[in-house]
Amino acid sequence: MDNASGKFVSIGRFLRREFVAVWPAFLFFLVGFLILLLIIKLALATVSIEMSAVSKAVVGALIAAKAVLILDETPLTRRLEQSRRIIAVAVKTFLYGSVTLLLGYAERFVDAVRHEHSFDGALRYLIDQASMYRILSWATGVSLVFSIYFALFEINRRMGNGELKKLFFDSPKTTGNARTAQV
């Protein structure tokens, strides 16, 4: 029994470390994906956002946050560190945008297979029913969210780790009696 409780404690510590590591990226992607959902819904003239869409945004944000952390440990990222920052941002954005587009088509295809019960029927159904504009708008929006994330990541690295957070979230400091100029 003591060994089992030790395993639960170590699993709990592992989950806590993962949660702490993924939390900032998760919050960024959650807000970005929820704003994207709102924009798409407004563009389609239906303001109500179903709970399934919100849950998809939460799951998508979790997956995106973890994927970004995993990508940072790959040889591709190490090679991109030798490139100009704009190249790193563009390559990562293109990679994630392409994967998002493929996943969008894959999700529609799985739904079509459930509806049609055959591969050929599903393919025809996908071609006839899939809204290309909706999938492309979603992939473009997700790519935009990723590009903002990667650009902010690169700016934070250049400024020094944590400096971007200080810039946006610390209260403005005054030096002596001189106040900082407000725009």
C-alpha atoms as a PDB file:
ATOM      1  CA  MET A   1       0.000   0.000   0.000  1.00  0.00           C
ATOM      2  CA  ASP A   2       2.863   2.366   0.811  1.00  0.00           C
ATOM      3  CA  ASN A   3       4.445   1.690  -2.602  1.00  0.00           C
ATOM      4  CA  ALA A   4       1.159   2.511  -4.351  1.00  0.00           C
ATOM      5  CA  SER A   5       0.805   5.816  -2.503  1.00  0.00           C
ATOM      6  CA  GLY A   6       4.404   6.671  -3.458  1.00  0.00           C
ATOM      7  CA  LYS A   7       3.513   6.097  -7.126  1.00  0.00           C
ATOM      8  CA  PHE A   8       0.480   8.366  -6.799  1.00  0.00           C
ATOM      9  CA  VAL A   9       2.654  11.059  -5.237  1.00  0.00           C
ATOM     10  CA  SER A  10       5.243  10.808  -8.035  1.00  0.00           C
ATOM     11  CA  ILE A  11       2.500  10.892 -10.676  1.00  0.00           C
ATOM     12  CA  GLY A  12       1.023  13.926  -8.937  1.00  0.00           C
ATOM     13  CA  ARG A  13       4.397  15.695  -8.949  1.00  0.00           C
ATOM     14  CA  PHE A  14       4.868  14.885 -12.632  1.00  0.00           C
ATOM     15  CA  LEU A  15       1.398  16.239 -13.517  1.00  0.00           C
ATOM     16  CA  ARG A  16       2.051  19.384 -11.468  1.00  0.00           C
ATOM     17  CA  ARG A  17       5.380  20.014 -13.276  1.00  0.00           C
ATOM     18  CA  GLU A  18       3.676  19.515 -16.651  1.00  0.00           C
ATOM     19  CA  PHE A  19       0.824  21.840 -15.655  1.00  0.00           C
ATOM     20  CA  VAL A  20       3.211  24.566 -14.491  1.00  0.00           C
ATOM     21  CA  ALA A  21       5.270  24.249 -17.688  1.00  0.00           C
ATOM     22  CA  VAL A  22       2.276  24.401 -20.021  1.00  0.00           C
ATOM     23  CA  TRP A  23       0.150  26.989 -18.127  1.00  0.00           C
ATOM     24  CA  PRO A  24       1.395  30.255 -19.739  1.00  0.00           C
ATOM     25  CA  ALA A  25       1.239  28.886 -23.291  1.00  0.00           C
ATOM     26  CA  PHE A  26      -2.148  27.285 -22.569  1.00  0.00           C
ATOM     27  CA  LEU A  27      -3.617  30.606 -21.396  1.00  0.00           C
ATOM     28  CA  PHE A  28      -2.236  32.391 -24.466  1.00  0.00           C
ATOM     29  CA  PHE A  29      -3.676  29.835 -26.891  1.00  0.00           C
ATOM     30  CA  LEU A  30      -6.991  29.601 -25.022  1.00  0.00           C
ATOM     31  CA  VAL A  31      -7.554  33.347 -25.259  1.00  0.00           C
ATOM     32  CA  GLY A  32      -6.370  33.372 -28.878  1.00  0.00           C
ATOM     33  CA  PHE A  33      -8.607  30.481 -29.926  1.00  0.00           C
ATOM     34  CA  LEU A  34     -11.637  31.908 -28.099  1.00  0.00           C
ATOM     35  CA  ILE A  35     -11.141  35.263 -29.847  1.00  0.00           C
ATOM     36  CA  LEU A  36     -10.797  33.399 -33.144  1.00  0.00           C
ATOM     37  CA  LEU A  37     -14.047  31.516 -32.481  1.00  0.00           C
ATOM     38  CA  LEU A  38     -15.796  34.773 -31.706  1.00  0.00           C
ATOM     39  CA  ILE A  39     -14.528  36.386 -34.917  1.00  0.00           C
ATOM     40  CA  ILE A  40     -15.648  33.404 -37.006  1.00  0.00           C
ATOM     41  CA  LYS A  41     -19.050  33.339 -35.325  1.00  0.00           C
ATOM     42  CA  LEU A  42     -19.488  37.076 -35.873  1.00  0.00           C
ATOM     43  CA  ALA A  43     -18.447  36.718 -39.498  1.00  0.00           C
ATOM     44  CA  LEU A  44     -21.057  33.997 -39.917  1.00  0.00           C
ATOM     45  CA  ALA A  45     -23.645  36.280 -38.242  1.00  0.00           C
ATOM     46  CA  THR A  46     -24.355  33.813 -35.433  1.00  0.00           C
ATOM     47  CA  VAL A  47     -23.126  35.279 -32.188  1.00  0.00           C
ATOM     48  CA  SER A  48     -23.968  32.334 -29.949  1.00  0.00           C
ATOM     49  CA  ILE A  49     -20.980  30.088 -29.268  1.00  0.00           C
ATOM     50  CA  GLU A  50     -21.936  26.533 -28.405  1.00  0.00           C
ATOM     51  CA  MET A  51     -20.290  24.775 -25.475  1.00  0.00           C
ATOM     52  CA  SER A  52     -18.795  22.257 -27.911  1.00  0.00           C
ATOM     53  CA  ALA A  53     -16.902  25.107 -29.576  1.00  0.00           C
ATOM     54  CA  VAL A  54     -15.603  26.347 -26.213  1.00  0.00           C
ATOM     55  CA  SER A  55     -14.524  22.836 -25.232  1.00  0.00           C
ATOM     56  CA  LYS A  56     -12.768  22.474 -28.603  1.00  0.00           C
ATOM     57  CA  ALA A  57     -10.929  25.737 -27.881  1.00  0.00           C
ATOM     58  CA  VAL A  58      -9.859  24.451 -24.452  1.00  0.00           C
ATOM     59  CA  VAL A  59      -8.675  21.105 -25.840  1.00  0.00           C
ATOM     60  CA  GLY A  60      -7.013  22.832 -28.787  1.00  0.00           C
ATOM     61  CA  ALA A  61      -5.223  25.251 -26.447  1.00  0.00           C
ATOM     62  CA  LEU A  62      -3.938  22.355 -24.321  1.00  0.00           C
ATOM     63  CA  ILE A  63      -2.710  20.495 -27.384  1.00  0.00           C
ATOM     64  CA  ALA A  64      -1.155  23.636 -28.893  1.00  0.00           C
ATOM     65  CA  ALA A  65       0.617  24.561 -25.657  1.00  0.00           C
ATOM     66  CA  LYS A  66       2.081  21.083 -25.226  1.00  0.00           C
ATOM     67  CA  ALA A  67       3.004  20.838 -28.916  1.00  0.00           C
ATOM     68  CA  VAL A  68       4.872  24.150 -28.721  1.00  0.00           C
ATOM     69  CA  LEU A  69       6.838  22.932 -25.698  1.00  0.00           C
ATOM     70  CA  ILE A  70       7.657  19.667 -27.477  1.00  0.00           C
ATOM     71  CA  LEU A  71       8.667  21.464 -30.705  1.00  0.00           C
ATOM     72  CA  ASP A  72      11.130  23.569 -28.714  1.00  0.00           C
ATOM     73  CA  GLU A  73      13.073  20.361 -27.954  1.00  0.00           C
ATOM     74  CA  THR A  74      13.399  19.120 -31.551  1.00  0.00           C
ATOM     75  CA  PRO A  75      16.398  19.300 -33.909  1.00  0.00           C
ATOM     76  CA  LEU A  76      14.353  21.609 -36.175  1.00  0.00           C
ATOM     77  CA  THR A  77      14.225  24.238 -33.448  1.00  0.00           C
ATOM     78  CA  ARG A  78      17.949  23.907 -32.793  1.00  0.00           C
ATOM     79  CA  ARG A  79      18.618  24.482 -36.499  1.00  0.00           C
ATOM     80  CA  LEU A  80      16.249  27.452 -36.549  1.00  0.00           C
ATOM     81  CA  GLU A  81      18.183  29.057 -33.673  1.00  0.00           C
ATOM     82  CA  GLN A  82      20.958  29.731 -36.210  1.00  0.00           C
ATOM     83  CA  SER A  83      18.539  31.542 -38.552  1.00  0.00           C
ATOM     84  CA  ARG A  84      17.133  35.027 -38.494  1.00  0.00           C
ATOM     85  CA  ARG A  85      14.226  35.265 -36.043  1.00  0.00           C
ATOM     86  CA  ILE A  86      11.725  36.032 -38.807  1.00  0.00           C
ATOM     87  CA  ILE A  87      12.646  32.739 -40.490  1.00  0.00           C
ATOM     88  CA  ALA A  88      12.123  30.841 -37.223  1.00  0.00           C
ATOM     89  CA  VAL A  89       8.718  32.473 -36.704  1.00  0.00           C
ATOM     90  CA  ALA A  90       7.668  31.876 -40.325  1.00  0.00           C
ATOM     91  CA  VAL A  91       8.752  28.213 -40.411  1.00  0.00           C
ATOM     92  CA  LYS A  92       7.080  27.383 -37.093  1.00  0.00           C
ATOM     93  CA  THR A  93       3.911  29.235 -38.121  1.00  0.00           C
ATOM     94  CA  PHE A  94       3.811  27.466 -41.495  1.00  0.00           C
ATOM     95  CA  LEU A  95       4.351  24.099 -39.808  1.00  0.00           C
ATOM     96  CA  TYR A  96       1.569  24.591 -37.271  1.00  0.00           C
ATOM     97  CA  GLY A  97      -0.767  26.154 -39.848  1.00  0.00           C
ATOM     98  CA  SER A  98      -0.281  23.201 -42.191  1.00  0.00           C
ATOM     99  CA  VAL A  99      -0.905  20.698 -39.412  1.00  0.00           C
ATOM    100  CA  THR A 100      -4.039  22.629 -38.393  1.00  0.00           C
ATOM    101  CA  LEU A 101      -5.327  22.514 -41.966  1.00  0.00           C
ATOM    102  CA  LEU A 102      -4.647  18.773 -42.223  1.00  0.00           C
ATOM    103  CA  LEU A 103      -6.327  18.128 -38.871  1.00  0.00           C
ATOM    104  CA  GLY A 104      -9.331  20.174 -39.993  1.00  0.00           C
ATOM    105  CA  TYR A 105      -9.752  18.014 -43.075  1.00  0.00           C
ATOM    106  CA  ALA A 106      -9.138  14.840 -41.063  1.00  0.00           C
ATOM    107  CA  GLU A 107     -11.827  15.812 -38.536  1.00  0.00           C
ATOM    108  CA  ARG A 108     -14.318  16.492 -41.337  1.00  0.00           C
ATOM    109  CA  PHE A 109     -13.396  13.174 -42.980  1.00  0.00           C
ATOM    110  CA  VAL A 110     -13.956  11.185 -39.768  1.00  0.00           C
ATOM    111  CA  ASP A 111     -17.365  12.853 -39.398  1.00  0.00           C
ATOM    112  CA  ALA A 112     -18.136  11.997 -43.019  1.00  0.00           C
ATOM    113  CA  VAL A 113     -17.171   8.323 -42.476  1.00  0.00           C
ATOM    114  CA  ARG A 114     -19.563   8.161 -39.511  1.00  0.00           C
ATOM    115  CA  HIS A 115     -22.295   9.713 -41.649  1.00  0.00           C
ATOM    116  CA  GLU A 116     -21.745   7.702 -44.848  1.00  0.00           C
ATOM    117  CA  HIS A 117     -20.309   4.407 -43.460  1.00  0.00           C
ATOM    118  CA  SER A 118     -17.903   3.958 -46.388  1.00  0.00           C
ATOM    119  CA  PHE A 119     -14.623   5.463 -47.555  1.00  0.00           C
ATOM    120  CA  ASP A 120     -15.904   6.421 -51.045  1.00  0.00           C
ATOM    121  CA  GLY A 121     -19.133   7.834 -49.661  1.00  0.00           C
ATOM    122  CA  ALA A 122     -17.241   9.776 -47.026  1.00  0.00           C
ATOM    123  CA  LEU A 123     -14.915  11.251 -49.629  1.00  0.00           C
ATOM    124  CA  ARG A 124     -17.843  12.346 -51.813  1.00  0.00           C
ATOM    125  CA  TYR A 125     -19.659  13.713 -48.747  1.00  0.00           C
ATOM    126  CA  LEU A 126     -16.531  15.618 -47.694  1.00  0.00           C
ATOM    127  CA  ILE A 127     -16.168  17.193 -51.134  1.00  0.00           C
ATOM    128  CA  ASP A 128     -19.882  18.072 -51.346  1.00  0.00           C
ATOM    129  CA  GLN A 129     -20.465  19.265 -47.773  1.00  0.00           C
ATOM    130  CA  ALA A 130     -17.199  20.579 -46.361  1.00  0.00           C
ATOM    131  CA  SER A 131     -17.029  24.322 -46.151  1.00  0.00           C
ATOM    132  CA  MET A 132     -13.629  25.141 -47.585  1.00  0.00           C
ATOM    133  CA  TYR A 133     -13.926  28.728 -46.434  1.00  0.00           C
ATOM    134  CA  ARG A 134     -14.608  27.725 -42.850  1.00  0.00           C
ATOM    135  CA  ILE A 135     -11.658  25.303 -42.707  1.00  0.00           C
ATOM    136  CA  LEU A 136      -9.342  27.814 -44.385  1.00  0.00           C
ATOM    137  CA  SER A 137     -10.508  30.649 -42.129  1.00  0.00           C
ATOM    138  CA  TRP A 138      -9.936  28.501 -39.047  1.00  0.00           C
ATOM    139  CA  ALA A 139      -6.463  27.409 -40.231  1.00  0.00           C
ATOM    140  CA  THR A 140      -5.570  31.017 -41.079  1.00  0.00           C
ATOM    141  CA  GLY A 141      -6.760  32.232 -37.693  1.00  0.00           C
ATOM    142  CA  VAL A 142      -4.884  29.500 -35.833  1.00  0.00           C
ATOM    143  CA  SER A 143      -1.768  30.326 -37.867  1.00  0.00           C
ATOM    144  CA  LEU A 144      -2.145  33.966 -36.867  1.00  0.00           C
ATOM    145  CA  VAL A 145      -2.395  33.012 -33.174  1.00  0.00           C
ATOM    146  CA  PHE A 146       0.709  30.821 -33.520  1.00  0.00           C
ATOM    147  CA  SER A 147       2.628  33.569 -35.338  1.00  0.00           C
ATOM    148  CA  ILE A 148       1.860  36.040 -32.546  1.00  0.00           C
ATOM    149  CA  TYR A 149       2.940  33.473 -29.951  1.00  0.00           C
ATOM    150  CA  PHE A 150       6.210  32.692 -31.751  1.00  0.00           C
ATOM    151  CA  ALA A 151       6.966  36.394 -32.338  1.00  0.00           C
ATOM    152  CA  LEU A 152       6.395  37.169 -28.649  1.00  0.00           C
ATOM    153  CA  PHE A 153       8.529  34.148 -27.726  1.00  0.00           C
ATOM    154  CA  GLU A 154      11.407  35.451 -29.844  1.00  0.00           C
ATOM    155  CA  ILE A 155      11.023  38.991 -28.458  1.00  0.00           C
ATOM    156  CA  ASN A 156      11.068  37.601 -24.910  1.00  0.00           C
ATOM    157  CA  ARG A 157      14.246  35.628 -25.661  1.00  0.00           C
ATOM    158  CA  ARG A 158      15.908  38.712 -27.111  1.00  0.00           C
ATOM    159  CA  MET A 159      14.880  40.974 -24.220  1.00  0.00           C
ATOM    160  CA  GLY A 160      15.782  38.374 -21.626  1.00  0.00           C
ATOM    161  CA  ASN A 161      13.622  35.689 -20.103  1.00  0.00           C
ATOM    162  CA  GLY A 162      10.742  37.236 -18.174  1.00  0.00           C
ATOM    163  CA  GLU A 163      11.300  40.800 -19.429  1.00  0.00           C
ATOM    164  CA  LEU A 164       8.289  40.743 -21.758  1.00  0.00           C
ATOM    165  CA  LYS A 165       6.086  39.661 -18.857  1.00  0.00           C
ATOM    166  CA  LYS A 166       7.463  42.527 -16.775  1.00  0.00           C
ATOM    167  CA  LEU A 167       6.856  44.947 -19.636  1.00  0.00           C
ATOM    168  CA  PHE A 168       3.169  44.070 -19.896  1.00  0.00           C
ATOM    169  CA  PHE A 169       2.201  43.054 -16.362  1.00  0.00           C
ATOM    170  CA  ASP A 170       4.369  45.005 -13.896  1.00  0.00           C
ATOM    171  CA  SER A 171       3.103  48.393 -12.808  1.00  0.00           C
ATOM    172  CA  PRO A 172       4.818  51.366 -14.417  1.00  0.00           C
ATOM    173  CA  LYS A 173       7.757  52.560 -12.375  1.00  0.00           C
ATOM    174  CA  THR A 174       8.648  56.152 -11.770  1.00  0.00           C
ATOM    175  CA  THR A 175      12.158  57.416 -11.293  1.00  0.00           C
ATOM    176  CA  GLY A 176      12.407  60.163  -8.715  1.00  0.00           C
ATOM    177  CA  ASN A 177       9.757  62.828  -9.357  1.00  0.00           C
ATOM    178  CA  ALA A 178       9.821  62.420 -13.137  1.00  0.00           C
ATOM    179  CA  ARG A 179       6.939  60.435 -14.474  1.00  0.00           C
ATOM    180  CA  THR A 180       7.160  58.361 -17.608  1.00  0.00           C
ATOM    181  CA  ALA A 181       5.604  59.906 -20.695  1.00  0.00           C
ATOM    182  CA  GLN A 182       2.133  58.667 -21.460  1.00  0.00           C
ATOM    183  CA  VAL A 183       0.978  58.264 -25.009  1.00  0.00           C
END
